[in-house]
């Protein structure tokens, strides 16, 4: 499984959304599932799946599907 597939799967599983909803335009609070609780569930899933620990500033800045990829690249994860 590629990093992009793993990343995408985390969104699909945590938010229980269909693949059609998973676009580069998906942003925080654009769907009911991505609220503050969903956000922390997503962060925990990504940290587990990629064996990383995100800094608090990165957790706060993680505001969209596309922004998340940029943040994870700081931790050596390539897409």
Protein backbone atom coordinates (compact mmCIF):
# COMPACT_ATOMS: atom_id res chain seq x y z
CA UNK A 1 0.00 0.00 0.00
CA UNK A 2 1.41 3.39 -0.99
CA UNK A 3 1.61 6.28 1.44
CA UNK A 4 -1.15 8.08 -0.44
CA UNK A 5 -3.41 5.02 -0.19
CA UNK A 6 -2.66 4.71 3.53
CA UNK A 7 -3.30 8.42 4.05
CA UNK A 8 -6.56 8.33 2.11
CA UNK A 9 -7.71 5.20 3.92
CA UNK A 10 -7.28 6.97 7.27
CA UNK A 11 -9.72 9.69 6.17
CA UNK A 12 -12.20 7.15 4.81
CA UNK A 13 -12.14 5.05 7.98
CA UNK A 14 -12.15 7.83 10.57
CA UNK A 15 -14.84 9.92 8.89
CA UNK A 16 -16.73 6.96 7.39
CA UNK A 17 -17.11 8.73 4.05
CA UNK A 18 -17.13 7.43 0.50
CA UNK A 19 -14.18 7.87 -1.83
CA UNK A 20 -16.15 10.42 -3.87
CA UNK A 21 -16.04 12.81 -0.91
CA UNK A 22 -12.27 12.50 -0.57
CA UNK A 23 -10.86 15.33 -2.68
CA UNK A 24 -8.03 17.84 -2.39
CA UNK A 25 -10.73 20.36 -1.43
CA UNK A 26 -11.80 18.49 1.72
CA UNK A 27 -11.24 20.88 4.62
CA UNK A 28 -11.73 20.87 8.37
CA UNK A 29 -15.41 21.22 9.32
CA UNK A 30 -16.58 20.91 5.70
CA UNK A 31 -18.30 17.67 6.70
CA UNK A 32 -20.02 16.98 10.04
CA UNK A 33 -17.62 14.12 10.82
CA UNK A 34 -14.57 16.39 10.70
CA UNK A 35 -15.22 18.27 13.91
CA UNK A 36 -12.75 18.67 16.78
CA UNK A 37 -13.26 15.10 17.99
CA UNK A 38 -12.98 13.68 14.47
CA UNK A 39 -9.86 15.77 13.96
CA UNK A 40 -8.13 14.21 16.96
CA UNK A 41 -9.23 10.72 15.86
CA UNK A 42 -7.70 11.39 12.43
CA UNK A 43 -4.46 12.65 13.95
CA UNK A 44 -4.21 9.58 16.21
CA UNK A 45 -4.86 7.25 13.24
CA UNK A 46 -2.22 8.97 11.11
CA UNK A 47 0.31 8.89 13.94
CA UNK A 48 -0.31 5.16 14.40
CA UNK A 49 -0.34 4.31 10.68
CA UNK A 50 2.85 6.24 9.91
CA UNK A 51 4.63 5.70 13.26
CA UNK A 52 5.10 9.42 13.89
CA UNK A 53 4.26 11.96 16.58
CA UNK A 54 2.93 15.22 15.20
CA UNK A 55 3.92 18.43 16.95
CA UNK A 56 1.01 20.45 18.35
CA UNK A 57 1.53 23.24 15.79
CA UNK A 58 1.17 20.68 13.01
CA UNK A 59 -2.00 19.26 14.58
CA UNK A 60 -3.48 22.76 14.62
CA UNK A 61 -2.30 23.56 11.06
CA UNK A 62 -3.74 20.28 9.69
CA UNK A 63 -6.72 22.01 8.12
CA UNK A 64 -7.32 20.11 4.89
CA UNK A 65 -6.61 16.90 3.00
CA UNK A 66 -3.98 18.67 0.89
CA UNK A 67 -2.41 20.56 3.81
CA UNK A 68 -2.10 17.30 5.72
CA UNK A 69 0.09 15.82 3.01
CA UNK A 70 2.43 18.81 3.22
CA UNK A 71 2.63 18.45 6.98
CA UNK A 72 3.38 14.72 6.81
CA UNK A 73 6.17 15.40 4.31
CA UNK A 74 7.96 17.25 7.13
CA UNK A 75 8.10 13.88 8.89
CA UNK A 76 9.73 12.10 5.93
CA UNK A 77 6.55 10.73 4.40
CA UNK A 78 6.48 11.12 0.62
CA UNK A 79 3.40 11.06 -1.56
